[in-house]
Amino acid sequence: MSPQFEEKRFALRMALRLPIVVSGRSDDGAAWSEPTETDDISTTGTLFHLNQKVSSGESLYLRSHRPDGVPVEVKARVVRVAPAVHGTSRVGVEIVESKENWLRLFVAWVADDQGEEE
C-alpha cells in the first residue's frame, strides 16, 4: 500500500501557537481575511486551521509579528488542505515571497520560546 502523499518537508519545524491573519481572494475575486493561529511553524512554511475554503496552489498572504512587535507579511502558496473539525480545514503553506522575513520571524519566536523555558 502506497502512502497517501509523499513527505517533502526538510525544514526545522516546531509546535507554536502564533497569531496570524490569513488573506486571499475567493473564486469570485472578493477579498477575504481571517484571523487564526498556527499549529506549527517551520523555516519554510506553516500549518493552520481555516474556515475559508482554499485549494492547493492558491496564493495567500500571512500577517503576523515578531516578539518585539515588528510586523511581518509574506506571500505563501497552499501545498496541503485536509478536512478538520467543525467544517474547518487544516492548511499547510510554503512561503514563496519575503522568505528572509519569515525566517527572521521563525528565529525570533524560537529564541523567545527558548528564553521562557529557562
Protein backbone atom coordinates (compact mmCIF):
# COMPACT_ATOMS: atom_id res chain seq x y z
CA MET A 1 0.00 0.00 0.00
CA SER A 2 1.48 3.35 -1.01
CA PRO A 3 1.33 6.41 1.25
CA GLN A 4 -1.41 8.98 0.63
CA PHE A 5 1.17 11.68 -0.09
CA GLU A 6 4.92 11.89 -0.25
CA GLU A 7 6.53 13.74 2.63
CA LYS A 8 8.57 16.63 1.20
CA ARG A 9 9.39 18.64 4.33
CA PHE A 10 13.04 19.07 5.17
CA ALA A 11 12.86 22.22 7.29
CA LEU A 12 13.18 22.66 11.04
CA ARG A 13 9.63 22.63 12.45
CA MET A 14 8.19 23.27 15.89
CA ALA A 15 4.76 23.36 17.52
CA LEU A 16 3.94 27.02 18.10
CA ARG A 17 0.60 28.81 18.53
CA LEU A 18 1.36 32.06 16.75
CA PRO A 19 -1.49 34.50 15.97
CA ILE A 20 -1.70 35.21 12.24
CA VAL A 21 -4.11 36.84 9.81
CA VAL A 22 -4.57 34.98 6.53
CA SER A 23 -5.96 36.78 3.49
CA GLY A 24 -6.70 35.91 -0.10
CA ARG A 25 -9.32 36.14 -2.83
CA SER A 26 -12.33 33.89 -3.31
CA ASP A 27 -13.26 32.40 -6.69
CA ASP A 28 -15.42 35.44 -7.49
CA GLY A 29 -12.49 37.79 -6.80
CA ALA A 30 -13.76 39.09 -3.46
CA ALA A 31 -11.03 39.75 -0.91
CA TRP A 32 -11.27 37.94 2.44
CA SER A 33 -9.26 37.97 5.63
CA GLU A 34 -9.40 35.56 8.58
CA PRO A 35 -7.58 35.64 11.93
CA THR A 36 -6.30 32.25 13.12
CA GLU A 37 -3.20 30.78 14.76
CA THR A 38 -0.52 28.40 13.63
CA ASP A 39 -0.47 24.76 14.73
CA ASP A 40 3.20 24.60 13.90
CA ILE A 41 5.74 26.74 12.13
CA SER A 42 8.89 25.93 10.16
CA THR A 43 11.64 27.84 8.45
CA THR A 44 9.80 27.48 5.13
CA GLY A 45 6.09 27.47 6.00
CA THR A 46 3.34 26.81 8.50
CA LEU A 47 0.19 24.81 9.25
CA PHE A 48 -3.06 26.38 10.50
CA HIS A 49 -6.84 25.91 10.60
CA LEU A 50 -9.04 27.99 8.32
CA ASN A 51 -12.81 28.39 7.85
CA GLN A 52 -12.35 29.90 4.37
CA LYS A 53 -12.20 27.32 1.59
CA VAL A 54 -8.85 27.27 -0.22
CA SER A 55 -7.23 24.97 -2.79
CA SER A 56 -3.74 23.61 -3.35
CA GLY A 57 -1.66 26.02 -5.40
CA GLU A 58 -3.64 29.07 -4.26
CA SER A 59 -1.73 32.18 -3.16
CA LEU A 60 -2.37 33.57 0.32
CA TYR A 61 -0.90 36.38 2.39
CA LEU A 62 0.04 35.86 6.04
CA ARG A 63 0.49 38.67 8.54
CA SER A 64 2.00 38.29 11.99
CA HIS A 65 4.54 39.96 14.23
CA ARG A 66 7.83 39.12 15.86
CA PRO A 67 8.05 39.03 19.69
CA ASP A 68 9.43 42.61 19.59
CA GLY A 69 6.25 43.77 17.81
CA VAL A 70 7.77 44.20 14.33
CA PRO A 71 5.09 43.29 11.76
CA VAL A 72 5.78 40.63 9.14
CA GLU A 73 3.80 39.98 5.94
CA VAL A 74 4.63 37.22 3.49
CA LYS A 75 3.14 35.58 0.41
CA ALA A 76 2.51 31.84 0.65
CA ARG A 77 1.33 29.01 -1.60
CA VAL A 78 -1.10 26.37 -0.35
CA VAL A 79 0.58 22.96 -0.52
CA ARG A 80 -1.82 20.88 1.57
CA VAL A 81 -5.50 21.06 2.53
CA ALA A 82 -7.11 18.46 4.81
CA PRO A 83 -10.52 18.37 6.50
CA ALA A 84 -10.55 19.26 10.19
CA VAL A 85 -13.12 19.72 12.96
CA HIS A 86 -16.29 21.83 12.74
CA GLY A 87 -16.03 22.33 8.98
CA THR A 88 -12.59 23.92 9.07
CA SER A 89 -9.60 22.83 7.03
CA ARG A 90 -6.01 22.24 8.08
CA VAL A 91 -3.97 24.26 5.61
CA GLY A 92 -0.26 23.83 5.01
CA VAL A 93 1.56 26.60 3.16
CA GLU A 94 5.03 27.21 1.79
CA ILE A 95 6.41 30.75 1.98
CA VAL A 96 7.19 32.00 -1.54
CA GLU A 97 7.99 35.71 -1.07
CA SER A 98 9.74 37.52 1.74
CA LYS A 99 11.35 34.23 2.79
CA GLU A 100 14.02 36.16 4.69
CA ASN A 101 11.34 37.98 6.73
CA TRP A 102 9.66 34.65 7.52
CA LEU A 103 12.97 33.13 8.61
CA ARG A 104 13.57 36.11 10.93
CA LEU A 105 10.07 35.63 12.36
CA PHE A 106 10.74 31.92 12.95
CA VAL A 107 14.13 32.52 14.59
CA ALA A 108 12.74 35.33 16.77
CA TRP A 109 9.88 33.17 18.09
CA VAL A 110 12.10 30.11 18.61
CA ALA A 111 14.60 32.22 20.57
CA ASP A 112 11.75 33.81 22.58
CA ASP A 113 10.27 30.36 23.32
CA GLN A 114 13.67 29.02 24.43
CA GLY A 115 14.11 32.01 26.75
CA GLU A 116 10.80 31.26 28.50
CA GLU A 117 11.85 27.66 29.23
CA GLU A 118 14.97 28.74 31.14
